[in-house]
Amino acid sequence: MASIANRLQPEPPWGLWLVLATMAIAPLSTKTAGAGWVFFCVFGAWAALRRPRIDIAPGEDSAARTWLIACLIGLAFETLATAIWGDPWDELHAPIRLMLAAAATLGLVRRFRFGENFRDILAHALSLGCIAAAGLAAWKGDDRDNYPTNVIPWAVAVGFMVCLLLPRTLDATRPLRMRFAWMVASLVGMVAVVLSQTRGAYGVVLWAVLFYGVAILRRRSVTRHGVGLGIALALVVVAAGVLLPHVIQTSAQRIEQAAHEFELAAEAHKPGDGANSSVGARIYLWQMAVRGFESSPLIGIGGEERKRRIKALGEKTQSPMILSLGHVHNQYLHAAMDHGLLGLAAVLAWIGGLALTVRRLGRQAAEARWQLAGVLFMHMSASLTNVNFAHTYYGIMLSMTISLVLLNARREPVTPAAA
């Protein structure tokens, strides 16, 4: 039985085929993404109950264990704060999803080890997801209100997919044509983010530049294939600039608009100036959140009081935009205002847990480490301008991308002969 359990899986097992299929079309439907999360958790439970554990080296499952512990700590803090204020329990949906997926991941990590086929099929599924996202964004155009879910978490989730794809393009063991296809899909995913006009997700472009910059400095890709891939990347970028000038123009306009709105709100001559713009409303809400945290730094003021203060601020500033909102558009300030240091501890538990998980992956799983670092970067940066945990889709996609990265780290052991 042990020898069977330790055998390398040449293809993804049946449960993961379903998960990968849903990831390929997740940008098109929140229900599909949710179904993928359910499939993953059910398959993880089945593996934990029905599959024998494989022999692993000491600490080989430490990354998955670290992430599960971080999820449990974050959920504990959020549960305590929710109980103190009597806030709706359904607002714990994201922490619960993260914890359940993390538990399923640990079960799978201890029972499966995948070959290159799994990583290739995962990359193909993510590529299809990026293409589907770009098609949807091009179809919707400026109609940002009719995406499958709120456009901000949707765009950040596409950014997660790009962060998982980019490191695959530097795997010199894969055919150049395959890596080129993944690179094009990554670029298409970034185009989808820009077309969605979601400034909070533009960080994925910065991440791509940083990733390739570090790779070049480390000469990770200075090989025959690497040179070819670099030339291909340059051609793709030039072609995108020539064929898709609207994408660049849209991005520049959105950034310029944000700067103008910030200037109006920052130089307000009377209360309410600039409050009825996207950036201006955020500035007023952030200031209000800081005051709320200062008034009750330990346990915050609770969800109901936060909603009351947002309504009062909207009426004071005569801002329909503020009146239409239910949170303060900043995950950190939202947690601090609602639940004080308890809420901040939960947010930092997930971020710190992810950072420690990145470190746990170590050099033996460099690709997975880069993938998870990208997800962490996107999560941290996007949380500055939105409360993404308020949206079910975000919790699903964040938990799924982290779990798939940790499975990706379960590589075939390299023998001295193979090395």
Protein backbone atom coordinates (compact mmCIF):
# COMPACT_ATOMS: atom_id res chain seq x y z
CA MET A 1 0.00 0.00 0.00
CA ALA A 2 2.80 2.42 0.87
CA SER A 3 4.49 1.94 -2.50
CA ILE A 4 1.21 2.72 -4.27
CA ALA A 5 0.70 5.82 -2.14
CA ASN A 6 4.21 7.07 -2.88
CA ARG A 7 3.90 6.64 -6.64
CA LEU A 8 4.13 9.87 -8.62
CA GLN A 9 0.77 10.95 -10.02
CA PRO A 10 1.22 11.19 -13.82
CA GLU A 11 -2.04 13.12 -14.19
CA PRO A 12 -4.19 15.16 -11.81
CA PRO A 13 -6.61 12.87 -9.93
CA TRP A 14 -10.31 13.08 -10.78
CA GLY A 15 -11.15 15.67 -8.14
CA LEU A 16 -8.53 18.13 -9.32
CA TRP A 17 -9.65 17.79 -12.94
CA LEU A 18 -12.97 19.30 -11.84
CA VAL A 19 -11.19 22.08 -9.94
CA LEU A 20 -8.92 22.97 -12.86
CA ALA A 21 -11.87 22.99 -15.24
CA THR A 22 -13.73 25.48 -13.06
CA MET A 23 -10.64 27.70 -12.81
CA ALA A 24 -10.56 27.95 -16.60
CA ILE A 25 -13.96 29.67 -16.63
CA ALA A 26 -14.05 31.16 -13.12
CA PRO A 27 -13.92 34.77 -14.41
CA LEU A 28 -17.19 34.19 -16.26
CA SER A 29 -19.29 32.97 -13.33
CA THR A 30 -19.16 33.25 -9.55
CA LYS A 31 -21.18 30.03 -9.30
CA THR A 32 -18.54 28.16 -11.30
CA ALA A 33 -15.80 29.49 -9.05
CA GLY A 34 -17.81 28.51 -5.98
CA ALA A 35 -18.35 25.02 -7.38
CA GLY A 36 -14.58 24.69 -7.88
CA TRP A 37 -14.00 25.60 -4.24
CA VAL A 38 -16.56 23.01 -3.11
CA PHE A 39 -15.00 20.34 -5.35
CA PHE A 40 -11.58 21.11 -3.89
CA CYS A 41 -12.71 20.89 -0.26
CA VAL A 42 -14.69 17.69 -0.86
CA PHE A 43 -11.78 16.09 -2.68
CA GLY A 44 -9.41 17.10 0.11
CA ALA A 45 -11.72 15.56 2.70
CA TRP A 46 -12.00 12.37 0.62
CA ALA A 47 -8.22 12.14 0.29
CA ALA A 48 -7.73 12.66 4.03
CA LEU A 49 -10.22 9.92 4.87
CA ARG A 50 -9.60 7.39 2.11
CA ARG A 51 -6.03 7.80 0.89
CA PRO A 52 -2.98 6.60 2.85
CA ARG A 53 -0.35 9.19 3.71
CA ILE A 54 2.84 9.11 1.68
CA ASP A 55 6.37 9.22 3.00
CA ILE A 56 7.57 12.80 3.05
CA ALA A 57 10.76 14.38 4.28
CA PRO A 58 10.65 16.22 7.62
CA GLY A 59 9.17 19.67 7.07
CA GLU A 60 8.04 18.94 3.53
CA ASP A 61 4.47 19.83 4.49
CA SER A 62 5.52 22.83 6.60
CA ALA A 63 4.29 25.40 4.08
CA ALA A 64 0.78 23.93 4.04
CA ARG A 65 0.78 23.57 7.84
CA THR A 66 1.92 27.17 8.27
CA TRP A 67 -0.87 28.48 6.06
CA LEU A 68 -3.52 26.40 7.87
CA ILE A 69 -2.34 27.66 11.27
CA ALA A 70 -2.46 31.26 10.02
CA CYS A 71 -6.01 30.73 8.76
CA LEU A 72 -7.09 29.26 12.10
CA ILE A 73 -5.58 32.20 14.01
CA GLY A 74 -7.21 34.75 11.70
CA LEU A 75 -10.58 33.01 11.99
CA ALA A 76 -10.27 32.87 15.79
CA PHE A 77 -9.66 36.62 16.08
CA GLU A 78 -12.50 37.44 13.69
CA THR A 79 -14.90 35.06 15.47
CA LEU A 80 -14.12 36.63 18.85
CA ALA A 81 -14.62 40.17 17.54
CA THR A 82 -17.84 39.18 15.76
CA ALA A 83 -19.19 37.62 18.97
CA ILE A 84 -18.31 40.71 21.02
CA TRP A 85 -20.27 43.05 18.75
CA GLY A 86 -22.97 40.63 17.61
CA ASP A 87 -22.14 41.31 13.98
CA PRO A 88 -23.70 39.05 11.32
CA TRP A 89 -22.01 35.67 11.29
CA ASP A 90 -22.22 35.42 7.51
CA GLU A 91 -19.50 38.09 7.32
CA LEU A 92 -17.06 35.34 8.32
CA HIS A 93 -17.51 33.66 4.93
CA ALA A 94 -14.01 34.59 3.67
CA PRO A 95 -12.10 33.46 6.80
CA ILE A 96 -14.06 30.20 6.85
CA ARG A 97 -13.40 29.55 3.15
CA LEU A 98 -9.68 30.21 3.63
CA MET A 99 -9.53 27.82 6.58
CA LEU A 100 -11.46 24.97 4.93
CA ALA A 101 -9.44 25.18 1.71
CA ALA A 102 -6.21 25.29 3.75
CA ALA A 103 -7.26 22.14 5.61
CA ALA A 104 -8.06 20.39 2.32
CA THR A 105 -4.67 21.48 0.97
CA LEU A 106 -2.79 19.96 3.88
CA GLY A 107 -4.67 16.70 3.38
CA LEU A 108 -3.75 16.60 -0.31
CA VAL A 109 -0.13 17.60 0.25
CA ARG A 110 0.29 14.64 2.60
CA ARG A 111 -1.23 12.19 0.12
CA PHE A 112 -0.18 13.23 -3.39
CA ARG A 113 2.94 14.22 -5.25
CA PHE A 114 2.44 15.45 -8.80
CA GLY A 115 4.60 15.43 -11.90
CA GLU A 116 5.05 18.12 -14.53
CA ASN A 117 1.73 17.25 -16.14
CA PHE A 118 -0.18 18.74 -13.22
CA ARG A 119 1.74 22.01 -13.43
CA ASP A 120 1.28 22.17 -17.19
CA ILE A 121 -2.46 21.51 -17.00
CA LEU A 122 -2.79 24.07 -14.21
CA ALA A 123 -1.00 26.65 -16.38
CA HIS A 124 -3.25 25.81 -19.34
CA ALA A 125 -6.36 26.24 -17.17
CA LEU A 126 -5.11 29.60 -15.86
CA SER A 127 -4.30 30.67 -19.41
CA LEU A 128 -7.87 29.94 -20.49
CA GLY A 129 -9.07 31.85 -17.44
CA CYS A 130 -7.04 34.93 -18.43
CA ILE A 131 -8.34 34.74 -22.00
CA ALA A 132 -11.92 34.38 -20.76
CA ALA A 133 -11.41 37.37 -18.47
CA ALA A 134 -10.09 39.54 -21.32
CA GLY A 135 -13.01 38.55 -23.54
CA LEU A 136 -15.48 39.45 -20.81
CA ALA A 137 -13.77 42.77 -20.06
CA ALA A 138 -13.70 43.69 -23.75
CA TRP A 139 -17.39 42.80 -24.09
CA LYS A 140 -18.44 44.80 -21.01
CA GLY A 141 -16.42 47.87 -22.01
CA ASP A 142 -17.18 50.76 -19.67
CA ASP A 143 -20.14 48.92 -18.13
CA ARG A 144 -18.41 48.12 -14.84
CA ASP A 145 -21.67 47.41 -13.01
CA ASN A 146 -22.52 44.24 -14.93
CA TYR A 147 -19.57 41.96 -14.26
CA PRO A 148 -20.33 38.56 -12.68
CA THR A 149 -19.44 40.13 -9.33
CA ASN A 150 -18.10 43.47 -8.08
CA VAL A 151 -15.46 44.46 -10.61
CA ILE A 152 -12.74 45.18 -8.03
CA PRO A 153 -12.39 41.69 -6.51
CA TRP A 154 -12.96 40.27 -9.99
CA ALA A 155 -9.96 42.13 -11.38
CA VAL A 156 -7.76 41.25 -8.40
CA ALA A 157 -8.65 37.57 -8.89
CA VAL A 158 -7.52 37.80 -12.51
CA GLY A 159 -4.30 39.29 -11.15
CA PHE A 160 -3.89 36.19 -8.98
CA MET A 161 -4.08 34.04 -12.12
CA VAL A 162 -1.39 36.12 -13.79
CA CYS A 163 0.86 35.79 -10.74
CA LEU A 164 0.56 31.99 -10.95
CA LEU A 165 1.31 31.96 -14.68
CA LEU A 166 4.35 34.24 -14.79
CA PRO A 167 6.82 31.93 -13.00
CA ARG A 168 5.88 29.05 -15.31
CA THR A 169 7.25 31.02 -18.25
CA LEU A 170 10.79 30.69 -16.83
CA ASP A 171 10.72 26.91 -16.47
CA ALA A 172 13.47 25.92 -18.90
CA THR A 173 12.34 22.28 -18.81
CA ARG A 174 9.17 23.13 -20.73
CA PRO A 175 9.00 23.65 -24.52
CA LEU A 176 9.52 27.22 -25.69
CA ARG A 177 6.20 27.29 -27.57
CA MET A 178 4.38 26.31 -24.37
CA ARG A 179 6.14 28.98 -22.32
CA PHE A 180 5.45 31.57 -24.99
CA ALA A 181 1.74 30.69 -24.91
CA TRP A 182 1.71 31.12 -21.13
CA MET A 183 3.44 34.48 -21.49
CA VAL A 184 0.88 35.69 -24.00
CA ALA A 185 -1.91 34.50 -21.71
CA SER A 186 -0.31 36.39 -18.80
CA LEU A 187 -0.24 39.55 -20.89
CA VAL A 188 -3.85 38.99 -21.92
CA GLY A 189 -4.76 38.67 -18.23
CA MET A 190 -3.09 42.01 -17.51
CA VAL A 191 -5.00 43.54 -20.41
CA ALA A 192 -8.21 42.24 -18.82
CA VAL A 193 -7.32 43.99 -15.56
CA VAL A 194 -6.67 47.28 -17.36
CA LEU A 195 -9.87 46.99 -19.41
CA SER A 196 -11.84 46.53 -16.20
CA GLN A 197 -10.60 50.01 -15.17
CA THR A 198 -9.83 48.74 -11.67
CA ARG A 199 -6.93 50.84 -10.45
CA GLY A 200 -6.57 48.79 -7.27
CA ALA A 201 -5.56 45.77 -9.38
CA TYR A 202 -3.04 47.59 -11.58
CA GLY A 203 -0.38 46.33 -9.20
CA VAL A 204 -0.24 43.13 -11.25
CA VAL A 205 1.58 45.06 -13.99
CA LEU A 206 4.12 46.31 -11.45
CA TRP A 207 4.52 42.77 -10.15
CA ALA A 208 5.21 41.46 -13.66
CA VAL A 209 7.93 44.08 -14.17
CA LEU A 210 9.50 43.32 -10.78
CA PHE A 211 9.38 39.57 -11.37
CA TYR A 212 11.06 39.66 -14.76
CA GLY A 213 13.51 42.30 -13.57
CA VAL A 214 14.68 40.13 -10.69
CA ALA A 215 14.80 37.08 -12.97
CA ILE A 216 17.03 38.92 -15.44
CA LEU A 217 19.30 40.27 -12.71
CA ARG A 218 19.70 36.75 -11.36
CA ARG A 219 20.25 35.51 -14.93
CA ARG A 220 17.61 32.91 -14.31
CA SER A 221 16.59 32.89 -17.96
CA VAL A 222 19.90 33.57 -19.75
CA THR A 223 19.79 30.41 -21.83
CA ARG A 224 19.00 29.68 -25.45
CA HIS A 225 15.36 29.29 -24.54
CA GLY A 226 15.51 32.29 -22.23
CA VAL A 227 16.87 34.58 -24.94
CA GLY A 228 14.17 33.40 -27.33
CA LEU A 229 11.52 33.95 -24.70
CA GLY A 230 12.83 37.44 -23.96
CA ILE A 231 12.69 38.37 -27.63
CA ALA A 232 9.18 36.95 -27.84
CA LEU A 233 8.13 38.98 -24.81
CA ALA A 234 9.45 42.19 -26.35
CA LEU A 235 7.58 41.48 -29.58
CA VAL A 236 4.36 40.72 -27.71
CA VAL A 237 4.58 43.94 -25.67
CA VAL A 238 5.28 46.03 -28.78
CA ALA A 239 2.41 44.36 -30.63
CA ALA A 240 0.08 45.01 -27.71
CA GLY A 241 1.02 48.67 -27.69
CA VAL A 242 0.39 48.98 -31.42
CA LEU A 243 -2.76 46.89 -31.66
CA LEU A 244 -4.33 47.86 -28.33
CA PRO A 245 -3.68 51.57 -27.85
CA HIS A 246 -7.04 51.83 -26.11
CA VAL A 247 -5.70 49.68 -23.26
CA ILE A 248 -2.77 52.02 -22.60
CA GLN A 249 -4.95 55.09 -23.01
CA THR A 250 -7.57 53.73 -20.62
CA SER A 251 -4.95 52.99 -17.98
CA ALA A 252 -3.39 56.44 -18.28
CA GLN A 253 -6.78 58.15 -18.10
CA ARG A 254 -7.79 56.23 -14.97
CA ILE A 255 -4.54 57.11 -13.21
CA GLU A 256 -4.85 60.76 -14.24
CA GLN A 257 -8.45 60.82 -13.04
CA ALA A 258 -7.41 59.39 -9.67
CA ALA A 259 -4.75 62.10 -9.25
CA HIS A 260 -7.30 64.82 -10.08
CA GLU A 261 -9.88 63.44 -7.65
CA PHE A 262 -7.27 63.20 -4.91
CA GLU A 263 -6.26 66.81 -5.49
CA LEU A 264 -9.86 68.01 -5.23
CA ALA A 265 -10.45 66.15 -1.97
CA ALA A 266 -7.07 67.08 -0.45
CA GLU A 267 -7.56 70.78 -1.18
CA ALA A 268 -11.17 70.90 -0.03
CA HIS A 269 -12.18 74.43 0.99
CA LYS A 270 -15.36 73.31 2.71
CA PRO A 271 -16.68 70.00 4.10
CA GLY A 272 -17.76 67.71 1.30
CA ASP A 273 -15.59 69.08 -1.49
CA GLY A 274 -14.61 66.20 -3.75
CA ALA A 275 -16.53 63.64 -1.69
CA ASN A 276 -18.68 62.45 -4.58
CA SER A 277 -15.81 60.90 -6.56
CA SER A 278 -14.23 57.48 -6.26
CA VAL A 279 -10.96 58.67 -4.73
CA GLY A 280 -12.51 61.57 -2.82
CA ALA A 281 -15.08 59.33 -1.13
CA ARG A 282 -12.31 56.97 -0.07
CA ILE A 283 -10.32 59.79 1.52
CA TYR A 284 -13.31 60.91 3.59
CA LEU A 285 -14.07 57.31 4.59
CA TRP A 286 -10.46 56.62 5.56
CA GLN A 287 -10.37 59.69 7.78
CA MET A 288 -13.60 58.59 9.42
CA ALA A 289 -12.20 55.06 9.95
CA VAL A 290 -9.09 56.42 11.67
CA ARG A 291 -11.26 58.45 14.05
CA GLY A 292 -13.38 55.37 14.76
CA PHE A 293 -10.30 53.30 15.58
CA GLU A 294 -8.92 56.02 17.85
CA SER A 295 -12.18 56.11 19.79
CA SER A 296 -12.02 52.36 20.56
CA PRO A 297 -8.62 50.89 19.64
CA LEU A 298 -8.99 47.51 21.37
CA ILE A 299 -12.29 46.14 20.05
CA GLY A 300 -13.41 48.82 17.57
CA ILE A 301 -16.93 50.18 17.23
CA GLY A 302 -18.71 47.26 15.55
CA GLY A 303 -20.36 46.86 12.18
CA GLU A 304 -23.65 48.56 12.96
CA GLU A 305 -21.98 51.71 14.26
CA ARG A 306 -19.72 51.76 11.18
CA LYS A 307 -22.76 51.73 8.89
CA ARG A 308 -24.40 54.50 10.93
CA ARG A 309 -21.29 56.67 10.69
CA ILE A 310 -20.96 56.12 6.95
CA LYS A 311 -24.56 57.22 6.48
CA ALA A 312 -24.00 60.28 8.66
CA LEU A 313 -20.86 61.17 6.72
CA GLY A 314 -22.70 60.82 3.41
CA GLU A 315 -25.45 63.15 4.60
CA LYS A 316 -22.95 65.65 5.98
CA THR A 317 -20.93 65.78 2.76
CA GLN A 318 -24.04 65.44 0.55
CA SER A 319 -22.29 62.61 -1.27
CA PRO A 320 -24.54 60.01 -2.96
CA MET A 321 -21.43 57.89 -3.51
CA ILE A 322 -20.64 57.65 0.21
CA LEU A 323 -24.32 57.01 0.99
CA SER A 324 -24.26 54.05 -1.41
CA LEU A 325 -21.34 52.35 0.38
CA GLY A 326 -21.32 49.93 3.28
CA HIS A 327 -17.60 49.78 4.07
CA VAL A 328 -14.62 52.15 4.06
CA HIS A 329 -12.81 50.78 0.98
CA ASN A 330 -9.65 49.78 2.85
CA GLN A 331 -9.30 46.30 4.38
CA TYR A 332 -6.89 47.43 7.10
CA LEU A 333 -8.86 50.49 8.21
CA HIS A 334 -12.13 48.58 7.92
CA ALA A 335 -10.82 45.90 10.30
CA ALA A 336 -9.39 48.49 12.68
CA MET A 337 -12.62 50.51 12.76
CA ASP A 338 -14.96 47.55 13.17
CA HIS A 339 -12.93 45.33 15.50
CA GLY A 340 -9.93 47.37 16.63
CA LEU A 341 -6.71 45.54 17.35
CA LEU A 342 -8.57 42.22 17.20
CA GLY A 343 -9.54 42.92 13.60
CA LEU A 344 -6.06 44.08 12.68
CA ALA A 345 -4.60 40.97 14.28
CA ALA A 346 -6.77 38.83 12.00
CA VAL A 347 -5.71 40.73 8.88
CA LEU A 348 -2.05 40.52 9.87
CA ALA A 349 -2.40 36.80 10.67
CA TRP A 350 -3.33 36.07 7.06
CA ILE A 351 -0.67 38.38 5.63
CA GLY A 352 2.02 37.21 8.03
CA GLY A 353 1.00 33.61 7.47
CA LEU A 354 1.32 34.02 3.72
CA ALA A 355 4.72 35.70 4.08
CA LEU A 356 5.94 32.89 6.34
CA THR A 357 4.54 30.30 3.93
CA VAL A 358 6.52 31.92 1.11
CA ARG A 359 9.64 31.51 3.21
CA ARG A 360 8.76 27.92 4.11
CA LEU A 361 8.63 26.96 0.44
CA GLY A 362 12.35 27.62 0.25
CA ARG A 363 14.64 27.09 -2.69
CA GLN A 364 13.40 23.61 -3.49
CA ALA A 365 10.09 25.12 -4.65
CA ALA A 366 11.28 28.38 -6.19
CA GLU A 367 8.47 28.53 -8.74
CA ALA A 368 5.77 28.09 -6.09
CA ARG A 369 7.53 30.64 -3.88
CA TRP A 370 7.38 33.24 -6.66
CA GLN A 371 3.74 32.39 -7.35
CA LEU A 372 2.71 32.78 -3.72
CA ALA A 373 4.75 35.97 -3.34
CA GLY A 374 2.80 37.42 -6.26
CA VAL A 375 -0.53 36.48 -4.68
CA LEU A 376 0.62 38.07 -1.42
CA PHE A 377 1.67 41.26 -3.21
CA MET A 378 -1.68 41.51 -4.99
CA HIS A 379 -3.65 40.81 -1.82
CA MET A 380 -1.76 43.41 0.21
CA SER A 381 -1.85 46.14 -2.44
CA ALA A 382 -5.49 45.61 -3.44
CA SER A 383 -6.53 45.70 0.23
CA LEU A 384 -5.39 49.33 0.40
CA THR A 385 -8.33 50.55 -1.70
CA ASN A 386 -11.11 48.03 -1.12
CA VAL A 387 -12.57 45.64 1.44
CA ASN A 388 -12.30 42.62 -0.81
CA PHE A 389 -13.22 40.18 1.96
CA ALA A 390 -16.72 41.62 1.80
CA HIS A 391 -17.18 39.78 -1.51
CA THR A 392 -17.69 36.02 -1.65
CA TYR A 393 -15.88 35.70 -4.98
CA TYR A 394 -12.68 37.14 -3.54
CA GLY A 395 -12.51 34.67 -0.67
CA ILE A 396 -13.07 31.81 -3.11
CA MET A 397 -10.38 32.88 -5.57
CA LEU A 398 -7.82 33.82 -2.91
CA SER A 399 -8.19 30.47 -1.14
CA MET A 400 -8.11 28.52 -4.41
CA THR A 401 -5.02 30.21 -5.84
CA ILE A 402 -3.09 29.77 -2.59
CA SER A 403 -4.08 26.10 -2.40
CA LEU A 404 -3.10 25.42 -6.02
CA VAL A 405 0.30 27.04 -5.42
CA LEU A 406 0.92 24.78 -2.44
CA LEU A 407 -0.01 21.74 -4.51
CA ASN A 408 2.29 22.99 -7.24
CA ALA A 409 5.11 22.92 -4.71
CA ARG A 410 4.69 19.15 -4.29
CA ARG A 411 7.25 18.30 -6.96
CA GLU A 412 8.66 14.96 -7.93
CA PRO A 413 11.75 14.36 -5.80
CA VAL A 414 14.91 14.85 -7.82
CA THR A 415 17.25 11.88 -7.59
CA PRO A 416 21.03 12.27 -7.96
CA ALA A 417 20.88 10.47 -11.29
CA ALA A 418 18.22 12.84 -12.61
CA ALA A 419 20.11 15.87 -11.36
